[in-house]
């Protein structure tokens, strides 16, 4: 691997080549010292890129996932299906947080200028922050520790708030590591020319995490985070395009060069021991510490930072964070910033282009559609009974509080008078993963005819069929199974298949 000592001349040479044309001004704005998952997507090279059929802007509109409005530029509106994807990604991450020892917290959206000065963000990141002054306030800084008249800032990152949380309790070396996770919305005052769909926004969410640990725990925590990244990305059959070690910037950094060198060496050691290929990225560290950036490439070849791991010796010192060691002496913890997906909105954009609406079953906003062959009362009643079995919800009349463990499968019943052919076409156009047909024969048998026509799209079909094979007890395989993947199943067996399809990828 490259020696970190050889990275400085490369950075100086790159800075000497900077020019003042608009494109490089945008890049310079985007490449300011960023925290967690905010390394920018490269701006579009031409306006025509947003009109391509496989671009997330076009797909997002066609799939009814999100829209943008000039009344809140850079803050996309997530529609119901887009919100479904967003919440599923959060649910996936919350499950990993529990497994990896994180506790989710909620922190304020707005803090006083004095906090941002304490953290160093006001001096080093202020141009990218939204400044807020309360109604009737003068926006002065006099008496700023106790006065509401001072300026406030919308948070562009969660780390200062998590430092405040760590400081609320006395900590022992036995308590470390302390791991916080946070999905709070963040705001960045991006220039309008850099805004682009879901990939470059002014308001976004990230799977933000901060680990407060001892020096002897750093190596294991970084290795654990890299493992978490690999596990999560496997759910999407995605692999990182490349890993970068971003080192100390020439200016606009806090701390000493020796502290930076030690932090860079620890990250380099972790990367070397991970057996992953990585490259140096000189001068692109956050203003408080070096970082490992994980880069994905979209369908247009454009690179986007998603996951990140950052080592920080500075913020714990600035916030005077301490823990008591074995000798009852006070020590300063080390702070690891980490994000797995990074900006959830940006990751959604990559998934939209990756799957083209052919979602894996667990993520699909349209999982099951039950198509009635006629509108008789007995067929409608059977369709509602099947929907109740699959969703775990009562067929009619909610009489009690629903359990938190209730199934959250999305089930649709199409009982319109349209022909079966039109219903099938409509359901397929809507992207439903499983289609169920219910008519007189299904009512008599107490089962349902199931077409898994696209449950395997966007994933691997053989894995889908392997899951189905495990649940074929009591099922009748039809002659068209090979071509159309159609089965006759009892509702409870179908529910088991659906749960198995989710477990296969999660």
Foldseek 3Di string as FASTA:
>chain_A
DDDPVVQVVVQVVVVVPQDDDPQSVQVVLQLFFDFFFRRAFRFDPDPCVLVDCLFLNNLCVLLVAWDDDPVFFQDIGGDPLVVLLLVLLVVVVVVVCVVLVADEDEFDQKDFPVLCVLQLCCVRPVVFWDKDADVPACQDCVVVVPDSNHIMTGAQDCVSRVLVVLVPDAAALVNPFHKYWYFDKHATNRDNSRRDQLRGGGIFTFRKMKTWHAPVCVLVVVLVQVVVLVLVVLLLVDDFPAKEKEAAAPDLADDDPVVQVVQSVSVVVSVVVNPGDHYYDYRSHRRFYIKMWTWHAAPVRTIGTFKMKTKGPPSQVSSVRWHAYPVRDTDGTIMIIITNRRTSSSSVSRSCSLQVLLDAQSSHPAAEEEEEQAQDPLQVVLLLVLVCLQQVHDSDDDDDDDDPPTRDHDYHYDHDPDHPVVVVVVSVSSNHQKYWYTYDVCSVVQWIKIWRQRNCGSHHVVLLVVLLVVLCVQKDDDPCCVPGVIIIGHSNSVSSSSVSSNVSSD
